[in-house]
Amino acid sequence: MASATGIQLTVSARDVVDLYGYQFTLNFDPALLRAVAGTEGTFLQSTGATTFFDAGSIDNLAGSISFVLGGLIGPVAGVDGSGELATFSFDVQHSGLASFSFSDLGFLDSNLADIAIEARALTAEVSAVPEPGSLFLAATGLFALLGGRAIKPRAR
């Protein structure tokens, strides 16, 4: 059996207005991937305000990272613009077409009002054998819309 290679999937906000906090579950294909860790992105931190982040609970049997949470602390304005919310590391166990999706979405503005999100699925070819160009995930279709604004994952 080939040794596992790693990939990263970054969830980013794009053209968002007043993002104060978020929650989501990231679903993935457990037959192909094994989630390793999640880290906070720099988008909410860019304000200089104090943030909190929980990388969620990894369940590699079910193929989910449940209740990823991030937000600002205190009476501050939400963040406008674009940037990274979180990055997730995966080991590729088997080559194939991996799928990713979001569930349990919740995004809030600084008034703690809901920001509407629509999620779309992503599939990408992953390889358990290290090859040039296959050590990263080519994210092409997963993003969530915030009205006319978007949250989208970006691969590295």
Protein backbone atom coordinates (compact mmCIF):
# COMPACT_ATOMS: atom_id res chain seq x y z
CA MET A 1 0.00 0.00 0.00
CA ALA A 2 1.32 3.47 -0.86
CA SER A 3 2.05 5.87 1.96
CA ALA A 4 -0.58 8.51 2.50
CA THR A 5 -0.06 12.02 1.18
CA GLY A 6 -1.61 15.12 2.67
CA ILE A 7 -3.88 17.83 1.33
CA GLN A 8 -5.33 20.99 2.80
CA LEU A 9 -8.74 22.52 2.23
CA THR A 10 -9.21 26.19 3.15
CA VAL A 11 -12.67 27.68 3.70
CA SER A 12 -12.63 31.39 2.81
CA ALA A 13 -15.04 34.30 2.95
CA ARG A 14 -15.33 36.40 -0.19
CA ASP A 15 -16.92 39.85 -0.40
CA VAL A 16 -18.66 39.45 2.95
CA VAL A 17 -20.08 42.37 4.94
CA ASP A 18 -20.15 42.47 8.77
CA LEU A 19 -19.22 38.83 9.48
CA TYR A 20 -19.08 38.44 13.27
CA GLY A 21 -19.29 34.68 13.75
CA TYR A 22 -19.84 31.40 11.96
CA GLN A 23 -20.50 27.71 12.47
CA PHE A 24 -20.51 24.80 10.03
CA THR A 25 -19.91 21.09 9.68
CA LEU A 26 -17.56 19.98 6.90
CA ASN A 27 -18.48 16.60 5.40
CA PHE A 28 -15.92 14.57 3.43
CA ASP A 29 -15.44 11.14 1.89
CA PRO A 30 -14.09 8.85 4.68
CA ALA A 31 -13.32 6.07 2.17
CA LEU A 32 -10.63 8.29 0.62
CA LEU A 33 -9.65 10.80 3.29
CA ARG A 34 -8.75 10.95 6.97
CA ALA A 35 -9.14 14.36 8.65
CA VAL A 36 -6.14 15.30 10.78
CA ALA A 37 -6.64 18.86 12.08
CA GLY A 38 -8.21 22.25 11.59
CA THR A 39 -6.71 25.67 12.20
CA GLU A 40 -8.14 29.17 12.42
CA GLY A 41 -7.84 31.39 9.39
CA THR A 42 -6.70 35.00 9.52
CA PHE A 43 -9.89 36.72 8.31
CA LEU A 44 -11.56 37.47 11.64
CA GLN A 45 -8.18 38.13 13.28
CA SER A 46 -7.48 40.84 10.69
CA THR A 47 -9.52 43.34 12.74
CA GLY A 48 -7.12 43.10 15.66
CA ALA A 49 -10.07 42.13 17.88
CA THR A 50 -10.00 39.05 20.10
CA THR A 51 -11.37 35.94 18.40
CA PHE A 52 -12.39 32.45 19.42
CA PHE A 53 -12.08 29.34 17.30
CA ASP A 54 -12.95 25.69 17.73
CA ALA A 55 -11.76 23.38 14.96
CA GLY A 56 -14.71 21.06 15.54
CA SER A 57 -14.96 17.39 16.34
CA ILE A 58 -13.40 15.01 13.81
CA ASP A 59 -15.27 11.78 13.05
CA ASN A 60 -13.28 9.88 10.43
CA LEU A 61 -15.75 6.98 10.39
CA ALA A 62 -18.69 9.24 9.51
CA GLY A 63 -16.60 11.62 7.39
CA SER A 64 -17.32 14.86 9.22
CA ILE A 65 -15.75 17.68 11.15
CA SER A 66 -18.72 18.80 13.24
CA PHE A 67 -19.48 22.26 14.56
CA VAL A 68 -16.48 24.27 13.48
CA LEU A 69 -16.94 27.61 15.29
CA GLY A 70 -15.30 30.99 14.88
CA GLY A 71 -16.16 34.49 15.96
CA LEU A 72 -15.21 37.85 17.33
CA ILE A 73 -15.44 38.61 21.06
CA GLY A 74 -16.97 41.79 22.46
CA PRO A 75 -18.90 44.73 21.08
CA VAL A 76 -16.98 45.16 17.83
CA ALA A 77 -18.00 45.52 14.21
CA GLY A 78 -17.95 42.47 12.01
CA VAL A 79 -15.35 41.97 9.28
CA ASP A 80 -15.84 43.14 5.69
CA GLY A 81 -14.02 41.79 2.65
CA SER A 82 -12.38 38.47 1.85
CA GLY A 83 -10.12 36.07 3.71
CA GLU A 84 -9.54 32.64 5.22
CA LEU A 85 -11.90 31.30 7.90
CA ALA A 86 -10.29 27.89 8.54
CA THR A 87 -7.92 25.36 6.99
CA PHE A 88 -8.33 21.60 7.33
CA SER A 89 -5.60 19.00 6.83
CA PHE A 90 -6.38 15.55 5.45
CA ASP A 91 -4.36 12.42 4.80
CA VAL A 92 -5.25 10.77 1.48
CA GLN A 93 -5.85 7.09 2.22
CA HIS A 94 -6.87 6.01 -1.29
CA SER A 95 -6.88 7.69 -4.69
CA GLY A 96 -10.22 8.68 -6.17
CA LEU A 97 -12.83 11.37 -6.59
CA ALA A 98 -13.38 12.88 -3.13
CA SER A 99 -16.46 14.87 -2.23
CA PHE A 100 -16.91 17.69 0.29
CA SER A 101 -20.03 19.50 1.50
CA PHE A 102 -21.25 21.76 4.30
CA SER A 103 -24.09 21.22 6.75
CA ASP A 104 -25.26 22.88 9.99
CA LEU A 105 -24.45 26.31 8.57
CA GLY A 106 -24.85 29.38 10.73
CA PHE A 107 -23.34 32.80 9.97
CA LEU A 108 -24.03 35.95 12.03
CA ASP A 109 -23.44 39.67 11.64
CA SER A 110 -22.44 41.98 14.50
CA ASN A 111 -26.11 42.44 15.46
CA LEU A 112 -26.29 38.63 15.81
CA ALA A 113 -28.69 38.49 12.86
CA ASP A 114 -28.49 35.51 10.51
CA ILE A 115 -26.63 35.84 7.24
CA ALA A 116 -28.24 33.58 4.62
CA ILE A 117 -25.98 30.83 3.26
CA GLU A 118 -26.45 28.44 0.34
CA ALA A 119 -23.92 25.61 0.13
CA ARG A 120 -22.81 23.71 -2.96
CA ALA A 121 -20.88 20.45 -3.19
CA LEU A 122 -17.28 19.94 -4.34
CA THR A 123 -15.62 16.91 -5.83
CA ALA A 124 -11.91 16.71 -6.58
CA GLU A 125 -9.47 14.05 -7.66
CA VAL A 126 -7.08 13.04 -4.86
CA SER A 127 -4.06 10.76 -5.09
CA ALA A 128 -2.47 8.59 -2.41
CA VAL A 129 0.74 8.53 -4.45
CA PRO A 130 2.83 11.72 -4.30
CA GLU A 131 2.94 13.19 -7.81
CA PRO A 132 3.60 16.72 -8.97
CA GLY A 133 0.30 18.54 -8.96
CA SER A 134 -1.54 15.96 -6.85
CA LEU A 135 -0.33 17.09 -3.42
CA PHE A 136 -3.01 19.75 -3.28
CA LEU A 137 -6.76 19.76 -3.72
CA ALA A 138 -8.08 21.63 -6.75
CA ALA A 139 -11.21 23.11 -5.20
CA THR A 140 -13.51 24.15 -8.01
CA GLY A 141 -17.07 24.01 -6.86
CA LEU A 142 -17.71 24.29 -3.13
CA PHE A 143 -18.81 27.63 -1.89
CA ALA A 144 -21.61 29.10 0.15
CA LEU A 145 -23.37 32.28 -0.86
CA LEU A 146 -24.18 35.11 1.54
CA GLY A 147 -26.84 36.90 -0.45
CA GLY A 148 -24.66 38.41 -3.19
CA ARG A 149 -21.51 37.60 -1.19
CA ALA A 150 -19.77 34.24 -0.93
CA ILE A 151 -17.96 31.87 1.41
CA LYS A 152 -15.85 29.45 -0.57
CA PRO A 153 -13.20 26.85 0.15
CA ARG A 154 -9.83 27.26 -1.45
CA ALA A 155 -7.26 24.53 -1.85
CA ARG A 156 -3.55 24.73 -1.20
